[in-house]
């Protein structure tokens, strides 16, 4: 069965809401949660997720919020922290690895951390048995793919097009998928531009999809009550999970 990975922004609008949303999404078919760490300059993200980051920071998001949420959900759904490199360098990778172990977080996604930089911490990640998810671009060469997947664990993130999240573009990925699968059996999930309209096609040839903006836009809809937001996002989770496995 193909997997559904979903991104939501931590503590938007508050910790309890994020916990309730994550668990509802799990009940609606979500397999893996990307718990977004709000940051002031999310360079890989489009306008929707960027706005969500800004709003969470304006509401006073701190790392303690991330840890409080993680403590509630880490043992209940496979969760990864998705954030940018600045906090990790500021506090130190081992600080976050210790915290991730405490709360049952499986690993990190850090889109602005290059593979070459990440190699400096591979031994630490192995020591704590946590994953650092690799991103592969659609224009990656075969040699580059071989390098990127050499130490992959849990899953590989295939970026479906060159650009930022939340934009619907089509790009022929058949060759890059073939090249990735020639070097590894680690599950391959595709992200960027995945929603209810595109999920079925995007899922072809891969092991799952990663959805972000299609969920987060409802976090930003102030016309909806908290319960309505959870209901809508959970319904989308179920629909996409059904589509990719139809």
C-alpha atoms as a PDB file:
ATOM      1  CA  UNK A   1       0.000   0.000   0.000  1.00  0.00           C
ATOM      2  CA  UNK A   2       1.299   3.445  -0.917  1.00  0.00           C
ATOM      3  CA  UNK A   3       1.988   5.802   1.950  1.00  0.00           C
ATOM      4  CA  UNK A   4       0.731   9.288   2.699  1.00  0.00           C
ATOM      5  CA  UNK A   5       3.084  11.778   4.332  1.00  0.00           C
ATOM      6  CA  UNK A   6       1.580  15.043   5.534  1.00  0.00           C
ATOM      7  CA  UNK A   7       3.130  18.340   6.599  1.00  0.00           C
ATOM      8  CA  UNK A   8       1.504  20.648   9.136  1.00  0.00           C
ATOM      9  CA  UNK A   9       2.948  23.688  10.894  1.00  0.00           C
ATOM     10  CA  UNK A  10       3.622  23.162  14.588  1.00  0.00           C
ATOM     11  CA  UNK A  11       1.590  25.184  17.081  1.00  0.00           C
ATOM     12  CA  UNK A  12      -0.620  26.919  14.517  1.00  0.00           C
ATOM     13  CA  UNK A  13      -2.830  28.070  16.073  1.00  0.00           C
ATOM     14  CA  UNK A  14      -1.771  26.308  19.320  1.00  0.00           C
ATOM     15  CA  UNK A  15      -0.240  23.117  20.671  1.00  0.00           C
ATOM     16  CA  UNK A  16      -3.457  21.312  21.557  1.00  0.00           C
ATOM     17  CA  UNK A  17      -4.911  21.944  18.121  1.00  0.00           C
ATOM     18  CA  UNK A  18      -1.792  20.536  16.443  1.00  0.00           C
ATOM     19  CA  UNK A  19      -1.971  17.388  18.569  1.00  0.00           C
ATOM     20  CA  UNK A  20      -5.672  16.881  17.825  1.00  0.00           C
ATOM     21  CA  UNK A  21      -5.131  17.498  14.111  1.00  0.00           C
ATOM     22  CA  UNK A  22      -2.197  15.101  13.851  1.00  0.00           C
ATOM     23  CA  UNK A  23      -4.090  12.277  15.543  1.00  0.00           C
ATOM     24  CA  UNK A  24      -7.207  12.887  13.448  1.00  0.00           C
ATOM     25  CA  UNK A  25      -5.120  12.791  10.267  1.00  0.00           C
ATOM     26  CA  UNK A  26      -3.613   9.501  11.423  1.00  0.00           C
ATOM     27  CA  UNK A  27      -7.105   8.069  11.873  1.00  0.00           C
ATOM     28  CA  UNK A  28      -7.895   9.291   8.335  1.00  0.00           C
ATOM     29  CA  UNK A  29      -5.032   7.470   6.637  1.00  0.00           C
ATOM     30  CA  UNK A  30      -1.916   9.555   7.295  1.00  0.00           C
ATOM     31  CA  UNK A  31       1.108   7.287   7.676  1.00  0.00           C
ATOM     32  CA  UNK A  32       3.875   9.776   8.425  1.00  0.00           C
ATOM     33  CA  UNK A  33       3.718  13.291   9.841  1.00  0.00           C
ATOM     34  CA  UNK A  34       6.114  16.095   8.946  1.00  0.00           C
ATOM     35  CA  UNK A  35       5.849  18.435  11.901  1.00  0.00           C
ATOM     36  CA  UNK A  36       6.965  21.807  10.591  1.00  0.00           C
ATOM     37  CA  UNK A  37       9.282  23.942  12.724  1.00  0.00           C
ATOM     38  CA  UNK A  38       8.278  27.567  12.037  1.00  0.00           C
ATOM     39  CA  UNK A  39      11.141  29.645  10.651  1.00  0.00           C
ATOM     40  CA  UNK A  40      11.354  33.217   9.396  1.00  0.00           C
ATOM     41  CA  UNK A  41      12.868  32.380   5.997  1.00  0.00           C
ATOM     42  CA  UNK A  42      11.547  29.024   4.709  1.00  0.00           C
ATOM     43  CA  UNK A  43      13.294  29.214   1.352  1.00  0.00           C
ATOM     44  CA  UNK A  44      11.967  25.954  -0.113  1.00  0.00           C
ATOM     45  CA  UNK A  45       8.355  26.730   0.673  1.00  0.00           C
ATOM     46  CA  UNK A  46       5.746  28.647  -1.261  1.00  0.00           C
ATOM     47  CA  UNK A  47       3.457  31.389  -0.054  1.00  0.00           C
ATOM     48  CA  UNK A  48       1.007  29.208   1.877  1.00  0.00           C
ATOM     49  CA  UNK A  49       3.532  27.497   4.113  1.00  0.00           C
ATOM     50  CA  UNK A  50       5.578  30.683   4.408  1.00  0.00           C
ATOM     51  CA  UNK A  51       2.504  32.516   5.697  1.00  0.00           C
ATOM     52  CA  UNK A  52       1.827  29.702   8.163  1.00  0.00           C
ATOM     53  CA  UNK A  53       5.409  29.983   9.450  1.00  0.00           C
ATOM     54  CA  UNK A  54       5.034  33.738   9.936  1.00  0.00           C
ATOM     55  CA  UNK A  55       1.704  33.374  11.755  1.00  0.00           C
ATOM     56  CA  UNK A  56       3.056  30.715  14.112  1.00  0.00           C
ATOM     57  CA  UNK A  57       6.031  32.919  14.965  1.00  0.00           C
ATOM     58  CA  UNK A  58       3.747  35.911  15.519  1.00  0.00           C
ATOM     59  CA  UNK A  59       1.728  33.812  17.956  1.00  0.00           C
ATOM     60  CA  UNK A  60       4.907  33.187  19.957  1.00  0.00           C
ATOM     61  CA  UNK A  61       6.118  29.802  18.702  1.00  0.00           C
ATOM     62  CA  UNK A  62       9.193  28.535  20.564  1.00  0.00           C
ATOM     63  CA  UNK A  63      11.065  25.231  20.433  1.00  0.00           C
ATOM     64  CA  UNK A  64       9.287  24.265  23.650  1.00  0.00           C
ATOM     65  CA  UNK A  65       6.058  24.160  21.610  1.00  0.00           C
ATOM     66  CA  UNK A  66       7.599  21.674  19.186  1.00  0.00           C
ATOM     67  CA  UNK A  67       8.742  19.463  22.051  1.00  0.00           C
ATOM     68  CA  UNK A  68       5.412  19.637  23.863  1.00  0.00           C
ATOM     69  CA  UNK A  69       3.521  18.558  20.736  1.00  0.00           C
ATOM     70  CA  UNK A  70       6.051  15.840  19.973  1.00  0.00           C
ATOM     71  CA  UNK A  71       5.726  14.399  23.451  1.00  0.00           C
ATOM     72  CA  UNK A  72       2.018  13.861  22.810  1.00  0.00           C
ATOM     73  CA  UNK A  73       2.213  12.360  19.321  1.00  0.00           C
ATOM     74  CA  UNK A  74       5.663  10.812  18.879  1.00  0.00           C
ATOM     75  CA  UNK A  75       4.582   7.418  20.178  1.00  0.00           C
ATOM     76  CA  UNK A  76       1.313   7.450  18.213  1.00  0.00           C
ATOM     77  CA  UNK A  77       2.331   8.329  14.656  1.00  0.00           C
ATOM     78  CA  UNK A  78       5.673   8.196  12.841  1.00  0.00           C
ATOM     79  CA  UNK A  79       6.812  11.806  13.070  1.00  0.00           C
ATOM     80  CA  UNK A  80       9.696  13.732  11.527  1.00  0.00           C
ATOM     81  CA  UNK A  81      10.705  17.291  12.310  1.00  0.00           C
ATOM     82  CA  UNK A  82      10.865  19.440   9.192  1.00  0.00           C
ATOM     83  CA  UNK A  83      12.845  22.635   9.599  1.00  0.00           C
ATOM     84  CA  UNK A  84      15.643  24.800   8.292  1.00  0.00           C
ATOM     85  CA  UNK A  85      19.285  24.502   9.265  1.00  0.00           C
ATOM     86  CA  UNK A  86      19.647  27.646  11.398  1.00  0.00           C
ATOM     87  CA  UNK A  87      18.058  26.223  14.609  1.00  0.00           C
ATOM     88  CA  UNK A  88      20.002  22.980  14.218  1.00  0.00           C
ATOM     89  CA  UNK A  89      23.310  24.806  13.959  1.00  0.00           C
ATOM     90  CA  UNK A  90      22.337  27.185  16.741  1.00  0.00           C
ATOM     91  CA  UNK A  91      21.505  24.477  19.276  1.00  0.00           C
ATOM     92  CA  UNK A  92      23.648  21.711  17.809  1.00  0.00           C
ATOM     93  CA  UNK A  93      22.522  18.560  16.043  1.00  0.00           C
ATOM     94  CA  UNK A  94      23.110  16.434  19.113  1.00  0.00           C
ATOM     95  CA  UNK A  95      20.722  18.604  21.124  1.00  0.00           C
ATOM     96  CA  UNK A  96      17.928  17.847  18.657  1.00  0.00           C
ATOM     97  CA  UNK A  97      18.910  14.194  18.350  1.00  0.00           C
ATOM     98  CA  UNK A  98      18.646  13.759  22.123  1.00  0.00           C
ATOM     99  CA  UNK A  99      15.267  15.477  22.119  1.00  0.00           C
ATOM    100  CA  UNK A 100      14.053  13.385  19.192  1.00  0.00           C
ATOM    101  CA  UNK A 101      14.970  10.223  21.054  1.00  0.00           C
ATOM    102  CA  UNK A 102      13.157  11.453  24.175  1.00  0.00           C
ATOM    103  CA  UNK A 103       9.944  12.069  22.233  1.00  0.00           C
ATOM    104  CA  UNK A 104      10.046   9.185  19.754  1.00  0.00           C
ATOM    105  CA  UNK A 105      10.677  11.391  16.704  1.00  0.00           C
ATOM    106  CA  UNK A 106      12.108   9.309  13.874  1.00  0.00           C
ATOM    107  CA  UNK A 107      14.257  11.898  12.137  1.00  0.00           C
ATOM    108  CA  UNK A 108      14.608  15.264  10.417  1.00  0.00           C
ATOM    109  CA  UNK A 109      14.013  16.905   7.051  1.00  0.00           C
ATOM    110  CA  UNK A 110      16.242  19.955   6.496  1.00  0.00           C
ATOM    111  CA  UNK A 111      15.841  21.193   2.913  1.00  0.00           C
ATOM    112  CA  UNK A 112      18.595  23.831   3.037  1.00  0.00           C
ATOM    113  CA  UNK A 113      21.212  21.421   4.407  1.00  0.00           C
ATOM    114  CA  UNK A 114      23.394  20.061   1.635  1.00  0.00           C
ATOM    115  CA  UNK A 115      24.400  16.428   1.523  1.00  0.00           C
ATOM    116  CA  UNK A 116      28.036  17.444   1.903  1.00  0.00           C
ATOM    117  CA  UNK A 117      27.236  19.367   5.104  1.00  0.00           C
ATOM    118  CA  UNK A 118      25.026  16.588   6.445  1.00  0.00           C
ATOM    119  CA  UNK A 119      27.868  14.067   6.144  1.00  0.00           C
ATOM    120  CA  UNK A 120      29.611  15.797   9.053  1.00  0.00           C
ATOM    121  CA  UNK A 121      26.864  14.522  11.356  1.00  0.00           C
ATOM    122  CA  UNK A 122      26.175  11.063   9.922  1.00  0.00           C
ATOM    123  CA  UNK A 123      27.905   9.299  12.821  1.00  0.00           C
ATOM    124  CA  UNK A 124      25.754  11.218  15.294  1.00  0.00           C
ATOM    125  CA  UNK A 125      22.577  10.240  13.470  1.00  0.00           C
ATOM    126  CA  UNK A 126      23.702   6.615  13.446  1.00  0.00           C
ATOM    127  CA  UNK A 127      24.523   6.805  17.166  1.00  0.00           C
ATOM    128  CA  UNK A 128      21.001   7.964  17.973  1.00  0.00           C
ATOM    129  CA  UNK A 129      19.421   5.720  15.301  1.00  0.00           C
ATOM    130  CA  UNK A 130      17.640   8.652  13.671  1.00  0.00           C
ATOM    131  CA  UNK A 131      17.194   9.509   9.999  1.00  0.00           C
ATOM    132  CA  UNK A 132      18.145  12.582   8.030  1.00  0.00           C
ATOM    133  CA  UNK A 133      15.920  12.432   4.962  1.00  0.00           C
ATOM    134  CA  UNK A 134      17.629  13.110   1.633  1.00  0.00           C
ATOM    135  CA  UNK A 135      16.033  15.306  -1.031  1.00  0.00           C
ATOM    136  CA  UNK A 136      16.530  14.426  -4.699  1.00  0.00           C
ATOM    137  CA  UNK A 137      15.846  16.988  -7.418  1.00  0.00           C
ATOM    138  CA  UNK A 138      14.357  15.997 -10.790  1.00  0.00           C
ATOM    139  CA  UNK A 139      17.519  17.075 -12.616  1.00  0.00           C
ATOM    140  CA  UNK A 140      19.892  15.002 -10.464  1.00  0.00           C
ATOM    141  CA  UNK A 141      22.476  12.989 -12.390  1.00  0.00           C
ATOM    142  CA  UNK A 142      22.757   9.252 -11.914  1.00  0.00           C
ATOM    143  CA  UNK A 143      26.067   9.633 -10.087  1.00  0.00           C
ATOM    144  CA  UNK A 144      24.584  12.256  -7.791  1.00  0.00           C
ATOM    145  CA  UNK A 145      21.609  10.017  -7.045  1.00  0.00           C
ATOM    146  CA  UNK A 146      23.938   7.150  -6.172  1.00  0.00           C
ATOM    147  CA  UNK A 147      25.692   9.401  -3.668  1.00  0.00           C
ATOM    148  CA  UNK A 148      22.494  10.809  -2.167  1.00  0.00           C
ATOM    149  CA  UNK A 149      20.857   7.428  -1.533  1.00  0.00           C
ATOM    150  CA  UNK A 150      23.982   5.736  -0.181  1.00  0.00           C
ATOM    151  CA  UNK A 151      22.977   6.232   3.468  1.00  0.00           C
ATOM    152  CA  UNK A 152      19.212   6.748   3.064  1.00  0.00           C
ATOM    153  CA  UNK A 153      16.891   5.494   5.793  1.00  0.00           C
ATOM    154  CA  UNK A 154      13.099   5.418   6.235  1.00  0.00           C
ATOM    155  CA  UNK A 155      12.337   7.182   2.937  1.00  0.00           C
ATOM    156  CA  UNK A 156      13.692   9.379   0.159  1.00  0.00           C
ATOM    157  CA  UNK A 157      12.055  12.694  -0.750  1.00  0.00           C
ATOM    158  CA  UNK A 158      11.775  13.185  -4.512  1.00  0.00           C
ATOM    159  CA  UNK A 159      11.072  16.798  -5.407  1.00  0.00           C
ATOM    160  CA  UNK A 160       8.593  16.672  -8.282  1.00  0.00           C
ATOM    161  CA  UNK A 161       9.777  19.871  -9.968  1.00  0.00           C
ATOM    162  CA  UNK A 162      12.413  22.567  -9.634  1.00  0.00           C
ATOM    163  CA  UNK A 163      11.046  25.394  -7.508  1.00  0.00           C
ATOM    164  CA  UNK A 164       9.120  25.894  -4.262  1.00  0.00           C
ATOM    165  CA  UNK A 165       6.245  24.039  -2.618  1.00  0.00           C
ATOM    166  CA  UNK A 166       2.610  24.708  -3.396  1.00  0.00           C
ATOM    167  CA  UNK A 167       3.000  25.174  -7.149  1.00  0.00           C
ATOM    168  CA  UNK A 168       1.440  22.705  -9.560  1.00  0.00           C
ATOM    169  CA  UNK A 169       3.982  21.853 -12.255  1.00  0.00           C
ATOM    170  CA  UNK A 170       4.424  18.766 -14.396  1.00  0.00           C
ATOM    171  CA  UNK A 171       7.854  17.329 -15.051  1.00  0.00           C
ATOM    172  CA  UNK A 172       8.811  13.945 -16.506  1.00  0.00           C
ATOM    173  CA  UNK A 173      10.286  12.004 -13.606  1.00  0.00           C
ATOM    174  CA  UNK A 174      10.425   8.526 -15.125  1.00  0.00           C
ATOM    175  CA  UNK A 175      14.198   8.534 -15.592  1.00  0.00           C
ATOM    176  CA  UNK A 176      15.057   9.916 -12.180  1.00  0.00           C
ATOM    177  CA  UNK A 177      12.692   7.396 -10.536  1.00  0.00           C
ATOM    178  CA  UNK A 178      14.301   4.583 -12.507  1.00  0.00           C
ATOM    179  CA  UNK A 179      17.765   5.769 -11.463  1.00  0.00           C
ATOM    180  CA  UNK A 180      16.841   6.029  -7.800  1.00  0.00           C
ATOM    181  CA  UNK A 181      15.333   2.557  -7.737  1.00  0.00           C
ATOM    182  CA  UNK A 182      18.405   1.101  -9.430  1.00  0.00           C
ATOM    183  CA  UNK A 183      20.467   2.029  -6.357  1.00  0.00           C
ATOM    184  CA  UNK A 184      18.172   1.544  -3.367  1.00  0.00           C
ATOM    185  CA  UNK A 185      15.078  -0.202  -2.062  1.00  0.00           C
ATOM    186  CA  UNK A 186      14.374   2.543   0.483  1.00  0.00           C
ATOM    187  CA  UNK A 187      10.804   3.811  -0.065  1.00  0.00           C
ATOM    188  CA  UNK A 188      10.563   6.725  -2.481  1.00  0.00           C
ATOM    189  CA  UNK A 189       7.964   9.417  -1.816  1.00  0.00           C
ATOM    190  CA  UNK A 190       7.210  12.393  -4.034  1.00  0.00           C
ATOM    191  CA  UNK A 191       6.426  15.907  -2.829  1.00  0.00           C
ATOM    192  CA  UNK A 192       5.795  19.448  -4.119  1.00  0.00           C
ATOM    193  CA  UNK A 193       2.486  20.192  -5.827  1.00  0.00           C
ATOM    194  CA  UNK A 194       0.639  17.153  -4.485  1.00  0.00           C
ATOM    195  CA  UNK A 195      -3.041  17.643  -3.685  1.00  0.00           C
ATOM    196  CA  UNK A 196      -6.402  15.964  -4.295  1.00  0.00           C
ATOM    197  CA  UNK A 197      -6.238  16.784  -8.012  1.00  0.00           C
ATOM    198  CA  UNK A 198      -2.676  15.586  -8.641  1.00  0.00           C
ATOM    199  CA  UNK A 199      -2.054  12.810  -6.121  1.00  0.00           C
ATOM    200  CA  UNK A 200      -3.130   9.886  -8.304  1.00  0.00           C
ATOM    201  CA  UNK A 201      -0.805  10.832 -11.178  1.00  0.00           C
ATOM    202  CA  UNK A 202       2.068  11.905  -8.937  1.00  0.00           C
ATOM    203  CA  UNK A 203       1.985   8.574  -7.106  1.00  0.00           C
ATOM    204  CA  UNK A 204       2.698   6.542 -10.239  1.00  0.00           C
ATOM    205  CA  UNK A 205       6.021   4.754  -9.998  1.00  0.00           C
ATOM    206  CA  UNK A 206       6.724   5.786  -6.399  1.00  0.00           C
ATOM    207  CA  UNK A 207       5.870   4.424  -2.970  1.00  0.00           C
ATOM    208  CA  UNK A 208       3.924   7.366  -1.617  1.00  0.00           C
ATOM    209  CA  UNK A 209       3.204  11.085  -1.717  1.00  0.00           C
ATOM    210  CA  UNK A 210       4.030  14.056   0.493  1.00  0.00           C
ATOM    211  CA  UNK A 211       1.347  16.714   0.939  1.00  0.00           C
ATOM    212  CA  UNK A 212       1.832  20.111   2.564  1.00  0.00           C
ATOM    213  CA  UNK A 213       0.213  23.229   1.128  1.00  0.00           C
ATOM    214  CA  UNK A 214      -3.074  21.420   0.444  1.00  0.00           C
ATOM    215  CA  UNK A 215      -3.397  20.889   4.208  1.00  0.00           C
ATOM    216  CA  UNK A 216      -1.837  24.092   5.494  1.00  0.00           C
ATOM    217  CA  UNK A 217      -4.127  26.392   3.511  1.00  0.00           C
ATOM    218  CA  UNK A 218      -6.943  25.380   5.852  1.00  0.00           C
ATOM    219  CA  UNK A 219      -4.849  26.269   8.894  1.00  0.00           C
ATOM    220  CA  UNK A 220      -4.841  29.803   7.498  1.00  0.00           C
ATOM    221  CA  UNK A 221      -8.597  29.988   6.857  1.00  0.00           C
ATOM    222  CA  UNK A 222      -9.920  32.070   9.737  1.00  0.00           C
ATOM    223  CA  UNK A 223     -13.503  31.575   8.551  1.00  0.00           C
ATOM    224  CA  UNK A 224     -13.319  28.004   9.847  1.00  0.00           C
ATOM    225  CA  UNK A 225     -13.600  26.879  13.442  1.00  0.00           C
ATOM    226  CA  UNK A 226     -10.903  24.627  14.884  1.00  0.00           C
ATOM    227  CA  UNK A 227     -13.168  21.593  14.496  1.00  0.00           C
ATOM    228  CA  UNK A 228     -13.968  22.514  10.889  1.00  0.00           C
ATOM    229  CA  UNK A 229     -10.281  22.820  10.077  1.00  0.00           C
ATOM    230  CA  UNK A 230      -9.559  19.388  11.533  1.00  0.00           C
ATOM    231  CA  UNK A 231     -12.532  17.890   9.707  1.00  0.00           C
ATOM    232  CA  UNK A 232     -11.569  19.340   6.317  1.00  0.00           C
ATOM    233  CA  UNK A 233      -7.892  18.393   6.557  1.00  0.00           C
ATOM    234  CA  UNK A 234      -8.723  14.889   7.765  1.00  0.00           C
ATOM    235  CA  UNK A 235     -11.173  14.425   4.902  1.00  0.00           C
ATOM    236  CA  UNK A 236      -8.485  15.438   2.400  1.00  0.00           C
ATOM    237  CA  UNK A 237      -6.089  12.956   4.035  1.00  0.00           C
ATOM    238  CA  UNK A 238      -8.581  10.149   3.514  1.00  0.00           C
ATOM    239  CA  UNK A 239      -9.338  11.165  -0.067  1.00  0.00           C
ATOM    240  CA  UNK A 240      -5.680  11.324  -1.078  1.00  0.00           C
ATOM    241  CA  UNK A 241      -4.863   8.037   0.644  1.00  0.00           C
ATOM    242  CA  UNK A 242      -7.743   6.391  -1.190  1.00  0.00           C
ATOM    243  CA  UNK A 243      -6.709   7.913  -4.521  1.00  0.00           C
ATOM    244  CA  UNK A 244      -3.087   6.813  -4.439  1.00  0.00           C
ATOM    245  CA  UNK A 245      -4.173   3.269  -3.639  1.00  0.00           C
ATOM    246  CA  UNK A 246      -7.056   3.020  -6.108  1.00  0.00           C
END
